[in-house]
PDB file of N, CA and C in Angstrom:
ATOM      1  N   MET A   1     -20.597   3.965 -25.208  1.00  0.00           N
ATOM      2  CA  MET A   1     -19.697   4.762 -24.390  1.00  0.00           C
ATOM      3  C   MET A   1     -18.967   3.836 -23.426  1.00  0.00           C
ATOM      4  N   ALA A   2     -17.651   3.900 -23.407  1.00  0.00           N
ATOM      5  CA  ALA A   2     -16.844   3.036 -22.546  1.00  0.00           C
ATOM      6  C   ALA A   2     -16.925   3.491 -21.099  1.00  0.00           C
ATOM      7  N   THR A   3     -16.953   2.526 -20.190  1.00  0.00           N
ATOM      8  CA  THR A   3     -16.957   2.821 -18.768  1.00  0.00           C
ATOM      9  C   THR A   3     -15.518   2.856 -18.264  1.00  0.00           C
ATOM     10  N   LEU A   4     -15.162   3.920 -17.563  1.00  0.00           N
ATOM     11  CA  LEU A   4     -13.821   4.014 -16.999  1.00  0.00           C
ATOM     12  C   LEU A   4     -13.751   3.182 -15.729  1.00  0.00           C
ATOM     13  N   THR A   5     -12.693   2.413 -15.590  1.00  0.00           N
ATOM     14  CA  THR A   5     -12.496   1.603 -14.397  1.00  0.00           C
ATOM     15  C   THR A   5     -11.498   2.306 -13.504  1.00  0.00           C
ATOM     16  N   ARG A   6     -11.882   2.492 -12.265  1.00  0.00           N
ATOM     17  CA  ARG A   6     -10.962   3.111 -11.307  1.00  0.00           C
ATOM     18  C   ARG A   6     -10.057   2.034 -10.741  1.00  0.00           C
ATOM     19  N   HIS A   7      -8.783   2.358 -10.643  1.00  0.00           N
ATOM     20  CA  HIS A   7      -7.839   1.421 -10.039  1.00  0.00           C
ATOM     21  C   HIS A   7      -8.137   1.309  -8.555  1.00  0.00           C
ATOM     22  N   LYS A   8      -8.119   0.061  -8.052  1.00  0.00           N
ATOM     23  CA  LYS A   8      -8.458  -0.203  -6.654  1.00  0.00           C
ATOM     24  C   LYS A   8      -7.175  -0.451  -5.857  1.00  0.00           C
ATOM     25  N   ILE A   9      -7.049   0.272  -4.726  1.00  0.00           N
ATOM     26  CA  ILE A   9      -5.865   0.212  -3.879  1.00  0.00           C
ATOM     27  C   ILE A   9      -6.259  -0.195  -2.465  1.00  0.00           C
ATOM     28  N   LEU A  10      -5.507  -1.134  -1.898  1.00  0.00           N
ATOM     29  CA  LEU A  10      -5.627  -1.454  -0.480  1.00  0.00           C
ATOM     30  C   LEU A  10      -4.544  -0.654   0.227  1.00  0.00           C
ATOM     31  N   PHE A  11      -4.931   0.228   1.154  1.00  0.00           N
ATOM     32  CA  PHE A  11      -3.994   1.071   1.900  1.00  0.00           C
ATOM     33  C   PHE A  11      -4.085   0.712   3.380  1.00  0.00           C
ATOM     34  N   VAL A  12      -2.950   0.291   3.970  1.00  0.00           N
ATOM     35  CA  VAL A  12      -2.932  -0.161   5.365  1.00  0.00           C
ATOM     36  C   VAL A  12      -2.013   0.748   6.179  1.00  0.00           C
ATOM     37  N   ASP A  13      -2.585   1.427   7.164  1.00  0.00           N
ATOM     38  CA  ASP A  13      -1.810   2.286   8.054  1.00  0.00           C
ATOM     39  C   ASP A  13      -2.548   2.398   9.383  1.00  0.00           C
ATOM     40  N   ASP A  14      -1.814   2.270  10.481  1.00  0.00           N
ATOM     41  CA  ASP A  14      -2.454   2.297  11.794  1.00  0.00           C
ATOM     42  C   ASP A  14      -2.643   3.705  12.358  1.00  0.00           C
ATOM     43  N   GLU A  15      -2.078   4.716  11.728  1.00  0.00           N
ATOM     44  CA  GLU A  15      -2.264   6.097  12.171  1.00  0.00           C
ATOM     45  C   GLU A  15      -3.509   6.671  11.488  1.00  0.00           C
ATOM     46  N   GLU A  16      -4.575   6.831  12.285  1.00  0.00           N
ATOM     47  CA  GLU A  16      -5.868   7.206  11.720  1.00  0.00           C
ATOM     48  C   GLU A  16      -5.814   8.509  10.917  1.00  0.00           C
ATOM     49  N   GLU A  17      -5.180   9.538  11.428  1.00  0.00           N
ATOM     50  CA  GLU A  17      -5.136  10.828  10.733  1.00  0.00           C
ATOM     51  C   GLU A  17      -4.412  10.697   9.385  1.00  0.00           C
ATOM     52  N   TRP A  18      -3.273   9.996   9.387  1.00  0.00           N
ATOM     53  CA  TRP A  18      -2.516   9.803   8.148  1.00  0.00           C
ATOM     54  C   TRP A  18      -3.308   8.939   7.172  1.00  0.00           C
ATOM     55  N   ARG A  19      -3.922   7.864   7.682  1.00  0.00           N
ATOM     56  CA  ARG A  19      -4.711   6.964   6.828  1.00  0.00           C
ATOM     57  C   ARG A  19      -5.844   7.744   6.155  1.00  0.00           C
ATOM     58  N   ASP A  20      -6.529   8.588   6.924  1.00  0.00           N
ATOM     59  CA  ASP A  20      -7.633   9.376   6.365  1.00  0.00           C
ATOM     60  C   ASP A  20      -7.133  10.379   5.328  1.00  0.00           C
ATOM     61  N   MET A  21      -5.982  11.025   5.605  1.00  0.00           N
ATOM     62  CA  MET A  21      -5.442  12.024   4.694  1.00  0.00           C
ATOM     63  C   MET A  21      -5.004  11.377   3.368  1.00  0.00           C
ATOM     64  N   VAL A  22      -4.298  10.250   3.456  1.00  0.00           N
ATOM     65  CA  VAL A  22      -3.829   9.572   2.240  1.00  0.00           C
ATOM     66  C   VAL A  22      -5.011   8.994   1.467  1.00  0.00           C
ATOM     67  N   THR A  23      -5.969   8.419   2.171  1.00  0.00           N
ATOM     68  CA  THR A  23      -7.160   7.878   1.517  1.00  0.00           C
ATOM     69  C   THR A  23      -7.884   8.973   0.745  1.00  0.00           C
ATOM     70  N   ALA A  24      -8.037  10.139   1.362  1.00  0.00           N
ATOM     71  CA  ALA A  24      -8.705  11.263   0.700  1.00  0.00           C
ATOM     72  C   ALA A  24      -7.908  11.727  -0.525  1.00  0.00           C
ATOM     73  N   ALA A  25      -6.589  11.814  -0.397  1.00  0.00           N
ATOM     74  CA  ALA A  25      -5.749  12.264  -1.518  1.00  0.00           C
ATOM     75  C   ALA A  25      -5.807  11.274  -2.679  1.00  0.00           C
ATOM     76  N   LEU A  26      -5.735   9.981  -2.374  1.00  0.00           N
ATOM     77  CA  LEU A  26      -5.801   8.962  -3.426  1.00  0.00           C
ATOM     78  C   LEU A  26      -7.178   8.950  -4.098  1.00  0.00           C
ATOM     79  N   THR A  27      -8.221   9.109  -3.304  1.00  0.00           N
ATOM     80  CA  THR A  27      -9.579   9.152  -3.842  1.00  0.00           C
ATOM     81  C   THR A  27      -9.749  10.366  -4.750  1.00  0.00           C
ATOM     82  N   GLU A  28      -9.249  11.509  -4.310  1.00  0.00           N
ATOM     83  CA  GLU A  28      -9.328  12.731  -5.114  1.00  0.00           C
ATOM     84  C   GLU A  28      -8.551  12.578  -6.429  1.00  0.00           C
ATOM     85  N   ALA A  29      -7.489  11.778  -6.385  1.00  0.00           N
ATOM     86  CA  ALA A  29      -6.685  11.543  -7.594  1.00  0.00           C
ATOM     87  C   ALA A  29      -7.348  10.527  -8.523  1.00  0.00           C
ATOM     88  N   GLY A  30      -8.492   9.962  -8.114  1.00  0.00           N
ATOM     89  CA  GLY A  30      -9.247   9.080  -9.001  1.00  0.00           C
ATOM     90  C   GLY A  30      -9.141   7.600  -8.706  1.00  0.00           C
ATOM     91  N   PHE A  31      -8.532   7.245  -7.573  1.00  0.00           N
ATOM     92  CA  PHE A  31      -8.399   5.835  -7.212  1.00  0.00           C
ATOM     93  C   PHE A  31      -9.512   5.436  -6.247  1.00  0.00           C
ATOM     94  N   GLU A  32      -9.873   4.160  -6.276  1.00  0.00           N
ATOM     95  CA  GLU A  32     -10.790   3.599  -5.290  1.00  0.00           C
ATOM     96  C   GLU A  32      -9.930   3.014  -4.185  1.00  0.00           C
ATOM     97  N   VAL A  33     -10.170   3.413  -2.933  1.00  0.00           N
ATOM     98  CA  VAL A  33      -9.303   3.012  -1.830  1.00  0.00           C
ATOM     99  C   VAL A  33     -10.062   2.183  -0.809  1.00  0.00           C
ATOM    100  N   LEU A  34      -9.487   1.019  -0.486  1.00  0.00           N
ATOM    101  CA  LEU A  34      -9.953   0.209   0.635  1.00  0.00           C
ATOM    102  C   LEU A  34      -8.938   0.460   1.746  1.00  0.00           C
ATOM    103  N   ALA A  35      -9.354   1.124   2.814  1.00  0.00           N
ATOM    104  CA  ALA A  35      -8.432   1.463   3.893  1.00  0.00           C
ATOM    105  C   ALA A  35      -8.565   0.465   5.034  1.00  0.00           C
ATOM    106  N   ALA A  36      -7.410   0.064   5.592  1.00  0.00           N
ATOM    107  CA  ALA A  36      -7.388  -0.853   6.733  1.00  0.00           C
ATOM    108  C   ALA A  36      -6.464  -0.273   7.797  1.00  0.00           C
ATOM    109  N   SER A  37      -6.829  -0.477   9.064  1.00  0.00           N
ATOM    110  CA  SER A  37      -6.053   0.102  10.156  1.00  0.00           C
ATOM    111  C   SER A  37      -4.992  -0.840  10.722  1.00  0.00           C
ATOM    112  N   ASP A  38      -5.073  -2.114  10.371  1.00  0.00           N
ATOM    113  CA  ASP A  38      -4.097  -3.064  10.898  1.00  0.00           C
ATOM    114  C   ASP A  38      -4.061  -4.317  10.023  1.00  0.00           C
ATOM    115  N   ALA A  39      -3.171  -5.230  10.379  1.00  0.00           N
ATOM    116  CA  ALA A  39      -2.990  -6.452   9.591  1.00  0.00           C
ATOM    117  C   ALA A  39      -4.267  -7.284   9.552  1.00  0.00           C
ATOM    118  N   SER A  40      -4.925  -7.404  10.682  1.00  0.00           N
ATOM    119  CA  SER A  40      -6.138  -8.217  10.753  1.00  0.00           C
ATOM    120  C   SER A  40      -7.203  -7.697   9.791  1.00  0.00           C
ATOM    121  N   GLU A  41      -7.402  -6.402   9.792  1.00  0.00           N
ATOM    122  CA  GLU A  41      -8.394  -5.801   8.900  1.00  0.00           C
ATOM    123  C   GLU A  41      -7.981  -5.949   7.430  1.00  0.00           C
ATOM    124  N   ALA A  42      -6.694  -5.811   7.152  1.00  0.00           N
ATOM    125  CA  ALA A  42      -6.204  -5.955   5.777  1.00  0.00           C
ATOM    126  C   ALA A  42      -6.395  -7.375   5.276  1.00  0.00           C
ATOM    127  N   LEU A  43      -6.127  -8.347   6.128  1.00  0.00           N
ATOM    128  CA  LEU A  43      -6.239  -9.749   5.720  1.00  0.00           C
ATOM    129  C   LEU A  43      -7.686 -10.206   5.558  1.00  0.00           C
ATOM    130  N   ARG A  44      -8.630  -9.445   6.111  1.00  0.00           N
ATOM    131  CA  ARG A  44     -10.049  -9.774   5.936  1.00  0.00           C
ATOM    132  C   ARG A  44     -10.586  -9.289   4.590  1.00  0.00           C
ATOM    133  N   GLN A  45      -9.783  -8.505   3.858  1.00  0.00           N
ATOM    134  CA  GLN A  45     -10.220  -8.042   2.538  1.00  0.00           C
ATOM    135  C   GLN A  45     -10.309  -9.248   1.608  1.00  0.00           C
ATOM    136  N   PRO A  46     -11.312  -9.296   0.774  1.00  0.00           N
ATOM    137  CA  PRO A  46     -11.437 -10.434  -0.149  1.00  0.00           C
ATOM    138  C   PRO A  46     -10.276 -10.454  -1.136  1.00  0.00           C
ATOM    139  N   ALA A  47      -9.944 -11.626  -1.617  1.00  0.00           N
ATOM    140  CA  ALA A  47      -8.913 -11.777  -2.641  1.00  0.00           C
ATOM    141  C   ALA A  47      -9.509 -11.280  -3.954  1.00  0.00           C
ATOM    142  N   ASP A  48      -9.654  -9.982  -4.036  1.00  0.00           N
ATOM    143  CA  ASP A  48     -10.336  -9.321  -5.139  1.00  0.00           C
ATOM    144  C   ASP A  48      -9.434  -9.272  -6.368  1.00  0.00           C
ATOM    145  N   PRO A  49      -9.851  -9.887  -7.457  1.00  0.00           N
ATOM    146  CA  PRO A  49      -9.011  -9.849  -8.653  1.00  0.00           C
ATOM    147  C   PRO A  49      -8.880  -8.446  -9.231  1.00  0.00           C
ATOM    148  N   ALA A  50      -9.747  -7.530  -8.826  1.00  0.00           N
ATOM    149  CA  ALA A  50      -9.688  -6.169  -9.341  1.00  0.00           C
ATOM    150  C   ALA A  50      -8.743  -5.278  -8.533  1.00  0.00           C
ATOM    151  N   LEU A  51      -8.111  -5.811  -7.489  1.00  0.00           N
ATOM    152  CA  LEU A  51      -7.175  -5.030  -6.687  1.00  0.00           C
ATOM    153  C   LEU A  51      -5.928  -4.781  -7.528  1.00  0.00           C
ATOM    154  N   ASN A  52      -5.559  -3.502  -7.663  1.00  0.00           N
ATOM    155  CA  ASN A  52      -4.441  -3.129  -8.528  1.00  0.00           C
ATOM    156  C   ASN A  52      -3.147  -2.823  -7.798  1.00  0.00           C
ATOM    157  N   LEU A  53      -3.226  -2.497  -6.501  1.00  0.00           N
ATOM    158  CA  LEU A  53      -2.041  -2.096  -5.752  1.00  0.00           C
ATOM    159  C   LEU A  53      -2.311  -2.221  -4.265  1.00  0.00           C
ATOM    160  N   ILE A  54      -1.249  -2.553  -3.525  1.00  0.00           N
ATOM    161  CA  ILE A  54      -1.319  -2.607  -2.064  1.00  0.00           C
ATOM    162  C   ILE A  54      -0.241  -1.682  -1.520  1.00  0.00           C
ATOM    163  N   ILE A  55      -0.620  -0.823  -0.571  1.00  0.00           N
ATOM    164  CA  ILE A  55       0.330   0.059   0.109  1.00  0.00           C
ATOM    165  C   ILE A  55       0.258  -0.264   1.592  1.00  0.00           C
ATOM    166  N   VAL A  56       1.410  -0.611   2.192  1.00  0.00           N
ATOM    167  CA  VAL A  56       1.448  -1.033   3.594  1.00  0.00           C
ATOM    168  C   VAL A  56       2.449  -0.176   4.360  1.00  0.00           C
ATOM    169  N   ASP A  57       2.010   0.341   5.507  1.00  0.00           N
ATOM    170  CA  ASP A  57       2.906   1.040   6.428  1.00  0.00           C
ATOM    171  C   ASP A  57       3.882   0.023   7.005  1.00  0.00           C
ATOM    172  N   GLU A  58       5.169   0.312   6.923  1.00  0.00           N
ATOM    173  CA  GLU A  58       6.174  -0.630   7.433  1.00  0.00           C
ATOM    174  C   GLU A  58       6.075  -0.791   8.952  1.00  0.00           C
ATOM    175  N   ASP A  59       5.762   0.296   9.651  1.00  0.00           N
ATOM    176  CA  ASP A  59       5.790   0.302  11.113  1.00  0.00           C
ATOM    177  C   ASP A  59       4.377   0.207  11.692  1.00  0.00           C
ATOM    178  N   LEU A  60       3.688  -0.880  11.379  1.00  0.00           N
ATOM    179  CA  LEU A  60       2.344  -1.102  11.918  1.00  0.00           C
ATOM    180  C   LEU A  60       2.422  -1.568  13.368  1.00  0.00           C
ATOM    181  N   ALA A  61       1.435  -1.203  14.157  1.00  0.00           N
ATOM    182  CA  ALA A  61       1.324  -1.747  15.516  1.00  0.00           C
ATOM    183  C   ALA A  61       0.912  -3.213  15.390  1.00  0.00           C
ATOM    184  N   GLY A  62       1.455  -4.049  16.232  1.00  0.00           N
ATOM    185  CA  GLY A  62       1.126  -5.476  16.172  1.00  0.00           C
ATOM    186  C   GLY A  62       2.017  -6.175  15.178  1.00  0.00           C
ATOM    187  N   VAL A  63       1.437  -6.668  14.095  1.00  0.00           N
ATOM    188  CA  VAL A  63       2.180  -7.364  13.043  1.00  0.00           C
ATOM    189  C   VAL A  63       2.913  -6.322  12.193  1.00  0.00           C
ATOM    190  N   SER A  64       4.192  -6.549  11.938  1.00  0.00           N
ATOM    191  CA  SER A  64       4.966  -5.578  11.150  1.00  0.00           C
ATOM    192  C   SER A  64       4.466  -5.522   9.714  1.00  0.00           C
ATOM    193  N   GLY A  65       4.722  -4.391   9.078  1.00  0.00           N
ATOM    194  CA  GLY A  65       4.332  -4.220   7.685  1.00  0.00           C
ATOM    195  C   GLY A  65       5.006  -5.211   6.756  1.00  0.00           C
ATOM    196  N   ILE A  66       6.235  -5.597   7.089  1.00  0.00           N
ATOM    197  CA  ILE A  66       6.959  -6.565   6.257  1.00  0.00           C
ATOM    198  C   ILE A  66       6.277  -7.928   6.316  1.00  0.00           C
ATOM    199  N   ILE A  67       5.901  -8.356   7.514  1.00  0.00           N
ATOM    200  CA  ILE A  67       5.210  -9.642   7.661  1.00  0.00           C
ATOM    201  C   ILE A  67       3.850  -9.590   6.957  1.00  0.00           C
ATOM    202  N   LEU A  68       3.142  -8.476   7.115  1.00  0.00           N
ATOM    203  CA  LEU A  68       1.848  -8.328   6.440  1.00  0.00           C
ATOM    204  C   LEU A  68       2.021  -8.360   4.926  1.00  0.00           C
ATOM    205  N   THR A  69       3.064  -7.717   4.427  1.00  0.00           N
ATOM    206  CA  THR A  69       3.326  -7.714   2.987  1.00  0.00           C
ATOM    207  C   THR A  69       3.496  -9.130   2.469  1.00  0.00           C
ATOM    208  N   ARG A  70       4.244  -9.950   3.209  1.00  0.00           N
ATOM    209  CA  ARG A  70       4.420 -11.357   2.805  1.00  0.00           C
ATOM    210  C   ARG A  70       3.083 -12.091   2.779  1.00  0.00           C
ATOM    211  N   ALA A  71       2.259 -11.882   3.809  1.00  0.00           N
ATOM    212  CA  ALA A  71       0.953 -12.544   3.869  1.00  0.00           C
ATOM    213  C   ALA A  71       0.053 -12.094   2.724  1.00  0.00           C
ATOM    214  N   LEU A  72       0.066 -10.785   2.419  1.00  0.00           N
ATOM    215  CA  LEU A  72      -0.773 -10.276   1.339  1.00  0.00           C
ATOM    216  C   LEU A  72      -0.315 -10.781  -0.027  1.00  0.00           C
ATOM    217  N   ARG A  73       0.955 -11.096  -0.160  1.00  0.00           N
ATOM    218  CA  ARG A  73       1.463 -11.695  -1.399  1.00  0.00           C
ATOM    219  C   ARG A  73       0.790 -13.041  -1.651  1.00  0.00           C
ATOM    220  N   CYS A  74       0.494 -13.750  -0.573  1.00  0.00           N
ATOM    221  CA  CYS A  74      -0.167 -15.063  -0.706  1.00  0.00           C
ATOM    222  C   CYS A  74      -1.639 -14.912  -1.076  1.00  0.00           C
ATOM    223  N   THR A  75      -2.317 -13.940  -0.466  1.00  0.00           N
ATOM    224  CA  THR A  75      -3.748 -13.773  -0.718  1.00  0.00           C
ATOM    225  C   THR A  75      -4.041 -12.949  -1.966  1.00  0.00           C
ATOM    226  N   HIS A  76      -3.070 -12.153  -2.405  1.00  0.00           N
ATOM    227  CA  HIS A  76      -3.233 -11.298  -3.586  1.00  0.00           C
ATOM    228  C   HIS A  76      -2.005 -11.448  -4.490  1.00  0.00           C
ATOM    229  N   PRO A  77      -1.770 -12.643  -5.024  1.00  0.00           N
ATOM    230  CA  PRO A  77      -0.572 -12.855  -5.846  1.00  0.00           C
ATOM    231  C   PRO A  77      -0.585 -11.962  -7.091  1.00  0.00           C
ATOM    232  N   GLY A  78       0.580 -11.445  -7.404  1.00  0.00           N
ATOM    233  CA  GLY A  78       0.721 -10.631  -8.605  1.00  0.00           C
ATOM    234  C   GLY A  78       0.345  -9.175  -8.450  1.00  0.00           C
ATOM    235  N   VAL A  79      -0.193  -8.794  -7.297  1.00  0.00           N
ATOM    236  CA  VAL A  79      -0.561  -7.392  -7.087  1.00  0.00           C
ATOM    237  C   VAL A  79       0.665  -6.639  -6.574  1.00  0.00           C
ATOM    238  N   PRO A  80       1.078  -5.558  -7.250  1.00  0.00           N
ATOM    239  CA  PRO A  80       2.239  -4.801  -6.791  1.00  0.00           C
ATOM    240  C   PRO A  80       2.029  -4.257  -5.378  1.00  0.00           C
ATOM    241  N   THR A  81       3.124  -4.208  -4.611  1.00  0.00           N
ATOM    242  CA  THR A  81       3.052  -3.771  -3.224  1.00  0.00           C
ATOM    243  C   THR A  81       4.101  -2.705  -2.946  1.00  0.00           C
ATOM    244  N   ILE A  82       3.656  -1.631  -2.304  1.00  0.00           N
ATOM    245  CA  ILE A  82       4.551  -0.563  -1.862  1.00  0.00           C
ATOM    246  C   ILE A  82       4.623  -0.613  -0.347  1.00  0.00           C
ATOM    247  N   LEU A  83       5.830  -0.685   0.191  1.00  0.00           N
ATOM    248  CA  LEU A  83       6.053  -0.589   1.631  1.00  0.00           C
ATOM    249  C   LEU A  83       6.334   0.877   1.920  1.00  0.00           C
ATOM    250  N   TYR A  84       5.508   1.473   2.743  1.00  0.00           N
ATOM    251  CA  TYR A  84       5.533   2.903   3.029  1.00  0.00           C
ATOM    252  C   TYR A  84       6.153   3.085   4.406  1.00  0.00           C
ATOM    253  N   THR A  85       7.230   3.838   4.516  1.00  0.00           N
ATOM    254  CA  THR A  85       7.956   3.902   5.778  1.00  0.00           C
ATOM    255  C   THR A  85       8.266   5.323   6.210  1.00  0.00           C
ATOM    256  N   SER A  86       8.179   5.569   7.504  1.00  0.00           N
ATOM    257  CA  SER A  86       8.532   6.880   8.059  1.00  0.00           C
ATOM    258  C   SER A  86       9.979   6.891   8.540  1.00  0.00           C
ATOM    259  N   THR A  87      10.646   5.755   8.456  1.00  0.00           N
ATOM    260  CA  THR A  87      12.032   5.625   8.901  1.00  0.00           C
ATOM    261  C   THR A  87      12.954   5.704   7.693  1.00  0.00           C
ATOM    262  N   LYS A  88      14.021   6.493   7.826  1.00  0.00           N
ATOM    263  CA  LYS A  88      15.002   6.567   6.737  1.00  0.00           C
ATOM    264  C   LYS A  88      15.867   5.313   6.802  1.00  0.00           C
ATOM    265  N   HIS A  89      15.976   4.619   5.676  1.00  0.00           N
ATOM    266  CA  HIS A  89      16.738   3.379   5.619  1.00  0.00           C
ATOM    267  C   HIS A  89      17.903   3.509   4.663  1.00  0.00           C
ATOM    268  N   ASP A  90      18.974   2.788   4.974  1.00  0.00           N
ATOM    269  CA  ASP A  90      20.095   2.736   4.044  1.00  0.00           C
ATOM    270  C   ASP A  90      19.712   1.804   2.889  1.00  0.00           C
ATOM    271  N   PRO A  91      20.448   1.871   1.781  1.00  0.00           N
ATOM    272  CA  PRO A  91      20.089   1.052   0.612  1.00  0.00           C
ATOM    273  C   PRO A  91      20.038  -0.453   0.900  1.00  0.00           C
ATOM    274  N   ASP A  92      20.929  -0.964   1.762  1.00  0.00           N
ATOM    275  CA  ASP A  92      20.914  -2.398   2.067  1.00  0.00           C
ATOM    276  C   ASP A  92      19.632  -2.804   2.781  1.00  0.00           C
ATOM    277  N   THR A  93      19.190  -1.992   3.734  1.00  0.00           N
ATOM    278  CA  THR A  93      17.955  -2.292   4.461  1.00  0.00           C
ATOM    279  C   THR A  93      16.757  -2.226   3.515  1.00  0.00           C
ATOM    280  N   THR A  94      16.751  -1.240   2.643  1.00  0.00           N
ATOM    281  CA  THR A  94      15.667  -1.114   1.668  1.00  0.00           C
ATOM    282  C   THR A  94      15.614  -2.338   0.758  1.00  0.00           C
ATOM    283  N   MET A  95      16.772  -2.772   0.271  1.00  0.00           N
ATOM    284  CA  MET A  95      16.816  -3.964  -0.587  1.00  0.00           C
ATOM    285  C   MET A  95      16.350  -5.208   0.179  1.00  0.00           C
ATOM    286  N   ASP A  96      16.701  -5.303   1.462  1.00  0.00           N
ATOM    287  CA  ASP A  96      16.261  -6.436   2.273  1.00  0.00           C
ATOM    288  C   ASP A  96      14.738  -6.430   2.404  1.00  0.00           C
ATOM    289  N   MET A  97      14.150  -5.248   2.657  1.00  0.00           N
ATOM    290  CA  MET A  97      12.689  -5.154   2.771  1.00  0.00           C
ATOM    291  C   MET A  97      12.028  -5.559   1.454  1.00  0.00           C
ATOM    292  N   MET A  98      12.612  -5.134   0.357  1.00  0.00           N
ATOM    293  CA  MET A  98      12.036  -5.477  -0.942  1.00  0.00           C
ATOM    294  C   MET A  98      12.185  -6.962  -1.234  1.00  0.00           C
ATOM    295  N   SER A  99      13.253  -7.573  -0.763  1.00  0.00           N
ATOM    296  CA  SER A  99      13.431  -9.008  -0.989  1.00  0.00           C
ATOM    297  C   SER A  99      12.413  -9.828  -0.205  1.00  0.00           C
ATOM    298  N   GLN A 100      11.775  -9.205   0.780  1.00  0.00           N
ATOM    299  CA  GLN A 100      10.789  -9.903   1.596  1.00  0.00           C
ATOM    300  C   GLN A 100       9.359  -9.684   1.104  1.00  0.00           C
ATOM    301  N   GLY A 101       9.214  -9.074  -0.064  1.00  0.00           N
ATOM    302  CA  GLY A 101       7.871  -9.021  -0.628  1.00  0.00           C
ATOM    303  C   GLY A 101       7.424  -7.709  -1.232  1.00  0.00           C
ATOM    304  N   ALA A 102       8.076  -6.610  -0.924  1.00  0.00           N
ATOM    305  CA  ALA A 102       7.639  -5.330  -1.477  1.00  0.00           C
ATOM    306  C   ALA A 102       8.259  -5.103  -2.854  1.00  0.00           C
ATOM    307  N   ASP A 103       7.501  -4.494  -3.738  1.00  0.00           N
ATOM    308  CA  ASP A 103       8.026  -4.129  -5.050  1.00  0.00           C
ATOM    309  C   ASP A 103       8.754  -2.798  -4.990  1.00  0.00           C
ATOM    310  N   GLN A 104       8.367  -1.989  -3.995  1.00  0.00           N
ATOM    311  CA  GLN A 104       8.932  -0.659  -3.875  1.00  0.00           C
ATOM    312  C   GLN A 104       8.855  -0.230  -2.418  1.00  0.00           C
ATOM    313  N   CYS A 105       9.825   0.576  -1.964  1.00  0.00           N
ATOM    314  CA  CYS A 105       9.797   1.187  -0.636  1.00  0.00           C
ATOM    315  C   CYS A 105       9.810   2.690  -0.823  1.00  0.00           C
ATOM    316  N   LEU A 106       8.864   3.368  -0.187  1.00  0.00           N
ATOM    317  CA  LEU A 106       8.774   4.822  -0.286  1.00  0.00           C
ATOM    318  C   LEU A 106       8.758   5.446   1.092  1.00  0.00           C
ATOM    319  N   PRO A 107       9.387   6.611   1.231  1.00  0.00           N
ATOM    320  CA  PRO A 107       9.308   7.317   2.513  1.00  0.00           C
ATOM    321  C   PRO A 107       7.952   8.007   2.655  1.00  0.00           C
ATOM    322  N   LYS A 108       7.425   8.018   3.870  1.00  0.00           N
ATOM    323  CA  LYS A 108       6.210   8.778   4.148  1.00  0.00           C
ATOM    324  C   LYS A 108       6.578  10.258   4.094  1.00  0.00           C
ATOM    325  N   GLY A 109       5.608  11.063   3.793  1.00  0.00           N
ATOM    326  CA  GLY A 109       5.868  12.487   3.820  1.00  0.00           C
ATOM    327  C   GLY A 109       5.013  13.267   2.851  1.00  0.00           C
ATOM    328  N   SER A 110       5.123  12.968   1.577  1.00  0.00           N
ATOM    329  CA  SER A 110       4.427  13.748   0.570  1.00  0.00           C
ATOM    330  C   SER A 110       3.362  12.895  -0.107  1.00  0.00           C
ATOM    331  N   THR A 111       2.102  13.324   0.010  1.00  0.00           N
ATOM    332  CA  THR A 111       1.050  12.590  -0.681  1.00  0.00           C
ATOM    333  C   THR A 111       1.191  12.756  -2.194  1.00  0.00           C
ATOM    334  N   GLU A 112       1.743  13.886  -2.640  1.00  0.00           N
ATOM    335  CA  GLU A 112       1.948  14.098  -4.069  1.00  0.00           C
ATOM    336  C   GLU A 112       2.935  13.073  -4.632  1.00  0.00           C
ATOM    337  N   GLU A 113       4.040  12.835  -3.894  1.00  0.00           N
ATOM    338  CA  GLU A 113       5.025  11.841  -4.332  1.00  0.00           C
ATOM    339  C   GLU A 113       4.410  10.443  -4.338  1.00  0.00           C
ATOM    340  N   LEU A 114       3.612  10.137  -3.308  1.00  0.00           N
ATOM    341  CA  LEU A 114       2.953   8.834  -3.257  1.00  0.00           C
ATOM    342  C   LEU A 114       2.027   8.666  -4.460  1.00  0.00           C
ATOM    343  N   ILE A 115       1.217   9.676  -4.752  1.00  0.00           N
ATOM    344  CA  ILE A 115       0.274   9.588  -5.866  1.00  0.00           C
ATOM    345  C   ILE A 115       1.017   9.405  -7.190  1.00  0.00           C
ATOM    346  N   ALA A 116       2.136  10.098  -7.367  1.00  0.00           N
ATOM    347  CA  ALA A 116       2.924   9.938  -8.584  1.00  0.00           C
ATOM    348  C   ALA A 116       3.433   8.515  -8.704  1.00  0.00           C
ATOM    349  N   ASN A 117       3.922   7.929  -7.598  1.00  0.00           N
ATOM    350  CA  ASN A 117       4.411   6.555  -7.620  1.00  0.00           C
ATOM    351  C   ASN A 117       3.272   5.558  -7.818  1.00  0.00           C
ATOM    352  N   VAL A 118       2.138   5.830  -7.219  1.00  0.00           N
ATOM    353  CA  VAL A 118       0.970   4.973  -7.392  1.00  0.00           C
ATOM    354  C   VAL A 118       0.553   4.972  -8.864  1.00  0.00           C
ATOM    355  N   GLY A 119       0.528   6.140  -9.474  1.00  0.00           N
ATOM    356  CA  GLY A 119       0.160   6.241 -10.877  1.00  0.00           C
ATOM    357  C   GLY A 119       1.062   5.414 -11.764  1.00  0.00           C
ATOM    358  N   CYS A 120       2.355   5.382 -11.455  1.00  0.00           N
ATOM    359  CA  CYS A 120       3.312   4.575 -12.232  1.00  0.00           C
ATOM    360  C   CYS A 120       3.137   3.082 -11.938  1.00  0.00           C
ATOM    361  N   SER A 121       2.751   2.745 -10.721  1.00  0.00           N
ATOM    362  CA  SER A 121       2.660   1.335 -10.312  1.00  0.00           C
ATOM    363  C   SER A 121       1.426   0.631 -10.859  1.00  0.00           C
ATOM    364  N   VAL A 122       0.363   1.356 -11.132  1.00  0.00           N
ATOM    365  CA  VAL A 122      -0.888   0.712 -11.543  1.00  0.00           C
ATOM    366  C   VAL A 122      -1.103   0.724 -13.052  1.00  0.00           C
ATOM    367  N   ARG A 123      -0.241   1.303 -13.823  1.00  0.00           N
ATOM    368  CA  ARG A 123      -0.424   1.371 -15.279  1.00  0.00           C
ATOM    369  C   ARG A 123      -0.007   0.112 -15.943  1.00  0.00           C
TER     370      ARG A 123
END
């Protein structure tokens, strides 16, 4: 009998209520979630080869999500990264954020939309 492997996601957000809600939704959808509240906690995660996706809040307290995304690219090369933002951006700003390390930029708001995008990103 084959063992199913759950996709492992690093989710970084400094808003505790949102972090808990998204972590619960992703877990319920069948993903294994490592949640971090800030850049320091995210960077302490081991360079786990089984990590399938990184989701970073763009507007983190302290170190910005964009800077953290660049750092995580070094410690987790090849792992797709989603920059999650509560700010509406024009296409040029979005492209600039993606040029700095994110594979995708998504607006915060719907956990269903996030889960759908996560499902596409980890396959």
